[in-house]
């Protein structure tokens, strides 16, 4: 009988520890997911900006800017591998719209 009570106490203690550990791991996952989503959106907006600069008459065909576009695409493709993680907390389309609105507001402020 004593062994059963000791086993139950040990099991309950272990379960409480595992539940606590699960919450800690989930909190870190959600934090990482949120930040990866933000990083992905900012990188996509940066890529669009670099492409728009490349398409300007002054810089059209500039090899350094073309290389920047290519390297940015490689980075974006690497981050897209983690889409399963950042899709947990980030609505990409909504975040892109918000960041574009912020960028447009900042451009209007610039004299």
N, C-alpha and C. Protein backbone atom coordinates (compact mmCIF):
# COMPACT_ATOMS: atom_id res chain seq x y z
N UNK A 1 0.82 -1.19 0.00
CA UNK A 1 0.00 0.00 0.00
C UNK A 1 0.86 1.26 0.00
N UNK A 2 1.95 1.22 0.75
CA UNK A 2 2.84 2.37 0.82
C UNK A 2 3.48 2.64 -0.54
N UNK A 3 3.80 1.57 -1.27
CA UNK A 3 4.42 1.74 -2.57
C UNK A 3 3.46 2.39 -3.57
N UNK A 4 2.20 2.10 -3.44
CA UNK A 4 1.20 2.70 -4.32
C UNK A 4 1.08 4.19 -4.04
N UNK A 5 1.05 4.57 -2.79
CA UNK A 5 0.96 5.98 -2.41
C UNK A 5 2.20 6.73 -2.87
N UNK A 6 3.36 6.15 -2.67
CA UNK A 6 4.62 6.80 -3.12
C UNK A 6 4.61 6.91 -4.64
N UNK A 7 4.15 5.88 -5.33
CA UNK A 7 4.07 5.91 -6.80
C UNK A 7 3.11 6.98 -7.28
N UNK A 8 1.96 7.14 -6.62
CA UNK A 8 0.99 8.16 -7.00
C UNK A 8 1.55 9.57 -6.77
N UNK A 9 2.22 9.76 -5.66
CA UNK A 9 2.82 11.07 -5.38
C UNK A 9 3.90 11.39 -6.41
N UNK A 10 4.73 10.40 -6.73
CA UNK A 10 5.78 10.62 -7.74
C UNK A 10 5.17 10.90 -9.10
N UNK A 11 4.12 10.18 -9.45
CA UNK A 11 3.45 10.39 -10.73
C UNK A 11 2.82 11.78 -10.81
N UNK A 12 2.15 12.19 -9.73
CA UNK A 12 1.53 13.52 -9.71
C UNK A 12 2.58 14.60 -9.82
N UNK A 13 3.70 14.44 -9.11
CA UNK A 13 4.78 15.42 -9.17
C UNK A 13 5.36 15.50 -10.58
N UNK A 14 5.58 14.37 -11.19
CA UNK A 14 6.10 14.33 -12.55
C UNK A 14 5.13 14.97 -13.54
N UNK A 15 3.85 14.70 -13.38
CA UNK A 15 2.84 15.30 -14.26
C UNK A 15 2.80 16.81 -14.13
N UNK A 16 2.87 17.32 -12.92
CA UNK A 16 2.89 18.77 -12.72
C UNK A 16 4.12 19.39 -13.39
N UNK A 17 5.27 18.75 -13.21
CA UNK A 17 6.49 19.25 -13.84
C UNK A 17 6.37 19.23 -15.36
N UNK A 18 5.84 18.17 -15.92
CA UNK A 18 5.71 18.07 -17.38
C UNK A 18 4.73 19.09 -17.94
N UNK A 19 3.66 19.36 -17.23
CA UNK A 19 2.71 20.39 -17.67
C UNK A 19 3.36 21.76 -17.63
N UNK A 20 4.10 22.05 -16.58
CA UNK A 20 4.82 23.32 -16.48
C UNK A 20 5.82 23.45 -17.64
N UNK A 21 6.55 22.39 -17.91
CA UNK A 21 7.54 22.39 -19.00
C UNK A 21 6.85 22.58 -20.36
N UNK A 22 5.71 21.96 -20.56
CA UNK A 22 4.96 22.11 -21.79
C UNK A 22 4.56 23.57 -22.02
N UNK A 23 4.09 24.23 -20.98
CA UNK A 23 3.71 25.64 -21.12
C UNK A 23 4.92 26.52 -21.44
N UNK A 24 6.06 26.23 -20.84
CA UNK A 24 7.27 27.00 -21.15
C UNK A 24 7.68 26.82 -22.61
N UNK A 25 7.66 25.60 -23.10
CA UNK A 25 8.04 25.31 -24.49
C UNK A 25 7.05 25.97 -25.45
N UNK A 26 5.77 25.89 -25.15
CA UNK A 26 4.77 26.52 -26.02
C UNK A 26 4.93 28.04 -26.05
N UNK A 27 5.25 28.63 -24.93
CA UNK A 27 5.46 30.08 -24.90
C UNK A 27 6.64 30.47 -25.80
N UNK A 28 7.71 29.69 -25.77
CA UNK A 28 8.86 29.97 -26.63
C UNK A 28 8.51 29.77 -28.10
N UNK A 29 7.73 28.75 -28.41
CA UNK A 29 7.31 28.50 -29.77
C UNK A 29 6.46 29.65 -30.31
N UNK A 30 5.54 30.12 -29.52
CA UNK A 30 4.69 31.24 -29.95
C UNK A 30 5.50 32.51 -30.14
N UNK A 31 6.46 32.76 -29.27
CA UNK A 31 7.33 33.92 -29.40
C UNK A 31 8.14 33.82 -30.70
N UNK A 32 8.71 32.66 -30.96
CA UNK A 32 9.49 32.45 -32.18
C UNK A 32 8.60 32.57 -33.41
N UNK A 33 7.42 32.02 -33.35
CA UNK A 33 6.49 32.09 -34.47
C UNK A 33 6.13 33.53 -34.80
N UNK A 34 5.85 34.31 -33.80
CA UNK A 34 5.49 35.71 -34.00
C UNK A 34 6.64 36.49 -34.64
N UNK A 35 7.84 36.30 -34.14
CA UNK A 35 8.99 37.02 -34.67
C UNK A 35 9.36 36.57 -36.08
N UNK A 36 9.26 35.29 -36.37
CA UNK A 36 9.54 34.80 -37.72
C UNK A 36 8.55 35.36 -38.72
N UNK A 37 7.29 35.46 -38.33
CA UNK A 37 6.28 36.05 -39.22
C UNK A 37 6.59 37.50 -39.53
N UNK A 38 6.97 38.25 -38.50
CA UNK A 38 7.33 39.65 -38.72
C UNK A 38 8.55 39.77 -39.63
N UNK A 39 9.53 38.94 -39.40
CA UNK A 39 10.74 38.95 -40.22
C UNK A 39 10.41 38.65 -41.67
N UNK A 40 9.55 37.66 -41.90
CA UNK A 40 9.18 37.29 -43.26
C UNK A 40 8.50 38.45 -43.98
N UNK A 41 7.57 39.10 -43.32
CA UNK A 41 6.84 40.20 -43.95
C UNK A 41 7.77 41.37 -44.25
N UNK A 42 8.62 41.73 -43.31
CA UNK A 42 9.56 42.84 -43.53
C UNK A 42 10.50 42.52 -44.68
N UNK A 43 10.94 41.29 -44.76
CA UNK A 43 11.83 40.89 -45.85
C UNK A 43 11.12 40.95 -47.19
N UNK A 44 9.86 40.53 -47.24
CA UNK A 44 9.12 40.60 -48.51
C UNK A 44 8.93 42.05 -48.95
N UNK A 45 8.63 42.93 -48.01
CA UNK A 45 8.49 44.35 -48.36
C UNK A 45 9.81 44.93 -48.83
N UNK A 46 10.90 44.54 -48.20
CA UNK A 46 12.23 44.98 -48.62
C UNK A 46 12.53 44.49 -50.03
N UNK A 47 12.18 43.24 -50.29
CA UNK A 47 12.41 42.68 -51.62
C UNK A 47 11.62 43.47 -52.68
N UNK A 48 10.38 43.79 -52.39
CA UNK A 48 9.58 44.58 -53.32
C UNK A 48 10.20 45.96 -53.56
N UNK A 49 10.73 46.55 -52.50
CA UNK A 49 11.37 47.86 -52.62
C UNK A 49 12.60 47.78 -53.52
N UNK A 50 13.44 46.77 -53.29
CA UNK A 50 14.66 46.62 -54.09
C UNK A 50 14.30 46.38 -55.55
N UNK A 51 13.27 45.60 -55.81
CA UNK A 51 12.84 45.36 -57.19
C UNK A 51 12.34 46.64 -57.83
N UNK A 52 11.62 47.46 -57.05
CA UNK A 52 11.14 48.73 -57.61
C UNK A 52 12.30 49.68 -57.91
N UNK A 53 13.35 49.65 -57.08
CA UNK A 53 14.53 50.47 -57.36
C UNK A 53 15.22 49.96 -58.62
N UNK A 54 15.32 48.66 -58.77
CA UNK A 54 15.95 48.07 -59.94
C UNK A 54 15.22 48.44 -61.22
N UNK A 55 13.91 48.58 -61.14
CA UNK A 55 13.12 48.90 -62.32
C UNK A 55 13.09 50.39 -62.64
N UNK A 56 13.69 51.23 -61.81
CA UNK A 56 13.76 52.65 -62.11
C UNK A 56 14.70 52.86 -63.30
N UNK A 57 14.41 53.88 -64.10
CA UNK A 57 15.23 54.15 -65.29
C UNK A 57 16.69 54.36 -64.92
N UNK A 58 16.94 55.02 -63.81
CA UNK A 58 18.31 55.35 -63.43
C UNK A 58 19.12 54.10 -63.08
N UNK A 59 18.46 53.09 -62.49
CA UNK A 59 19.18 51.91 -62.01
C UNK A 59 18.86 50.64 -62.80
N UNK A 60 18.11 50.75 -63.89
CA UNK A 60 17.69 49.57 -64.64
C UNK A 60 18.91 48.77 -65.11
N UNK A 61 18.92 47.50 -64.75
CA UNK A 61 20.01 46.62 -65.17
C UNK A 61 21.28 46.75 -64.35
N UNK A 62 21.26 47.48 -63.26
CA UNK A 62 22.44 47.65 -62.41
C UNK A 62 22.78 46.30 -61.78
N UNK A 63 23.99 45.78 -62.04
CA UNK A 63 24.32 44.42 -61.57
C UNK A 63 24.35 44.28 -60.05
N UNK A 64 24.74 45.30 -59.34
CA UNK A 64 24.79 45.19 -57.87
C UNK A 64 23.38 45.09 -57.30
N UNK A 65 22.45 45.86 -57.84
CA UNK A 65 21.07 45.80 -57.36
C UNK A 65 20.44 44.46 -57.76
N UNK A 66 20.76 43.97 -58.95
CA UNK A 66 20.27 42.65 -59.35
C UNK A 66 20.77 41.57 -58.39
N UNK A 67 22.02 41.68 -57.98
CA UNK A 67 22.57 40.72 -57.03
C UNK A 67 21.88 40.83 -55.67
N UNK A 68 21.55 42.06 -55.26
CA UNK A 68 20.81 42.26 -54.01
C UNK A 68 19.44 41.59 -54.09
N UNK A 69 18.77 41.73 -55.24
CA UNK A 69 17.46 41.09 -55.42
C UNK A 69 17.60 39.58 -55.33
N UNK A 70 18.61 39.03 -55.97
CA UNK A 70 18.81 37.58 -55.96
C UNK A 70 19.11 37.07 -54.55
N UNK A 71 19.95 37.76 -53.82
CA UNK A 71 20.28 37.33 -52.46
C UNK A 71 19.07 37.47 -51.53
N UNK A 72 18.28 38.50 -51.73
CA UNK A 72 17.07 38.68 -50.93
C UNK A 72 16.08 37.55 -51.20
N UNK A 73 15.96 37.13 -52.46
CA UNK A 73 15.07 36.01 -52.79
C UNK A 73 15.54 34.72 -52.12
N UNK A 74 16.84 34.50 -52.07
CA UNK A 74 17.37 33.30 -51.43
C UNK A 74 17.03 33.31 -49.93
N UNK A 75 17.20 34.46 -49.30
CA UNK A 75 16.88 34.57 -47.87
C UNK A 75 15.39 34.34 -47.65
N UNK A 76 14.55 34.95 -48.50
CA UNK A 76 13.10 34.77 -48.37
C UNK A 76 12.72 33.30 -48.52
N UNK A 77 13.33 32.61 -49.48
CA UNK A 77 13.03 31.20 -49.67
C UNK A 77 13.42 30.36 -48.45
N UNK A 78 14.53 30.73 -47.81
CA UNK A 78 14.94 30.02 -46.60
C UNK A 78 13.94 30.26 -45.46
N UNK A 79 13.48 31.49 -45.33
CA UNK A 79 12.51 31.79 -44.27
C UNK A 79 11.17 31.13 -44.56
N UNK A 80 10.82 30.98 -45.84
CA UNK A 80 9.55 30.33 -46.19
C UNK A 80 9.52 28.87 -45.75
N UNK A 81 10.68 28.28 -45.52
CA UNK A 81 10.72 26.90 -45.03
C UNK A 81 10.10 26.79 -43.64
N UNK A 82 10.04 27.90 -42.94
CA UNK A 82 9.48 27.92 -41.59
C UNK A 82 8.04 28.42 -41.58
N UNK A 83 7.38 28.39 -42.73
CA UNK A 83 6.01 28.90 -42.84
C UNK A 83 5.07 28.21 -41.87
N UNK A 84 5.30 26.94 -41.62
CA UNK A 84 4.44 26.20 -40.72
C UNK A 84 4.51 26.77 -39.30
N UNK A 85 5.66 27.29 -38.93
CA UNK A 85 5.83 27.84 -37.59
C UNK A 85 5.20 29.22 -37.49
N UNK A 86 5.55 30.13 -38.43
CA UNK A 86 5.05 31.49 -38.27
C UNK A 86 3.59 31.64 -38.67
N UNK A 87 3.03 30.65 -39.34
CA UNK A 87 1.60 30.73 -39.66
C UNK A 87 0.74 30.46 -38.43
N UNK A 88 1.35 29.99 -37.36
CA UNK A 88 0.60 29.76 -36.12
C UNK A 88 0.07 31.06 -35.54
N UNK A 89 0.86 32.12 -35.62
CA UNK A 89 0.47 33.37 -34.95
C UNK A 89 0.36 34.56 -35.88
N UNK A 90 0.79 34.44 -37.13
CA UNK A 90 0.87 35.61 -37.99
C UNK A 90 -0.04 35.45 -39.20
N UNK A 91 -0.93 36.43 -39.39
CA UNK A 91 -1.71 36.51 -40.62
C UNK A 91 -0.89 37.39 -41.57
N UNK A 92 -0.19 36.76 -42.50
CA UNK A 92 0.80 37.43 -43.35
C UNK A 92 0.16 38.56 -44.15
N UNK A 93 -0.99 38.32 -44.77
CA UNK A 93 -1.61 39.34 -45.61
C UNK A 93 -1.99 40.57 -44.79
N UNK A 94 -2.57 40.35 -43.63
CA UNK A 94 -2.97 41.46 -42.77
C UNK A 94 -1.76 42.26 -42.29
N UNK A 95 -0.70 41.57 -41.91
CA UNK A 95 0.51 42.24 -41.44
C UNK A 95 1.17 43.03 -42.56
N UNK A 96 1.18 42.48 -43.78
CA UNK A 96 1.75 43.20 -44.92
C UNK A 96 0.99 44.50 -45.18
N UNK A 97 -0.35 44.43 -45.12
CA UNK A 97 -1.15 45.64 -45.32
C UNK A 97 -0.84 46.68 -44.26
N UNK A 98 -0.74 46.26 -43.02
CA UNK A 98 -0.43 47.19 -41.94
C UNK A 98 0.93 47.85 -42.15
N UNK A 99 1.94 47.05 -42.51
CA UNK A 99 3.28 47.61 -42.72
C UNK A 99 3.33 48.52 -43.94
N UNK A 100 2.57 48.19 -44.97
CA UNK A 100 2.52 49.08 -46.14
C UNK A 100 1.89 50.41 -45.76
N UNK A 101 0.82 50.35 -44.96
CA UNK A 101 0.17 51.59 -44.52
C UNK A 101 1.13 52.45 -43.71
N UNK A 102 1.91 51.82 -42.84
CA UNK A 102 2.90 52.55 -42.04
C UNK A 102 3.96 53.16 -42.96
N UNK A 103 4.42 52.38 -43.94
CA UNK A 103 5.43 52.88 -44.88
C UNK A 103 4.91 54.03 -45.71
N UNK A 104 3.66 53.95 -46.15
CA UNK A 104 3.06 55.04 -46.92
C UNK A 104 2.92 56.29 -46.08
N UNK A 105 2.56 56.13 -44.81
CA UNK A 105 2.43 57.29 -43.92
C UNK A 105 3.79 57.94 -43.69
N UNK A 106 4.84 57.15 -43.58
CA UNK A 106 6.18 57.71 -43.39
C UNK A 106 6.66 58.44 -44.64
N UNK A 107 6.32 57.94 -45.82
CA UNK A 107 6.70 58.61 -47.07
C UNK A 107 6.01 59.94 -47.21
N UNK A 108 4.77 60.03 -46.75
CA UNK A 108 4.04 61.29 -46.82
C UNK A 108 4.63 62.34 -45.89
N UNK A 109 5.22 61.91 -44.75
CA UNK A 109 5.82 62.84 -43.81
C UNK A 109 7.12 63.41 -44.33
N UNK A 110 7.84 62.64 -45.17
CA UNK A 110 9.14 63.06 -45.66
C UNK A 110 8.96 64.24 -46.62
N UNK A 111 9.67 65.36 -46.36
CA UNK A 111 9.50 66.54 -47.23
C UNK A 111 10.11 66.37 -48.59
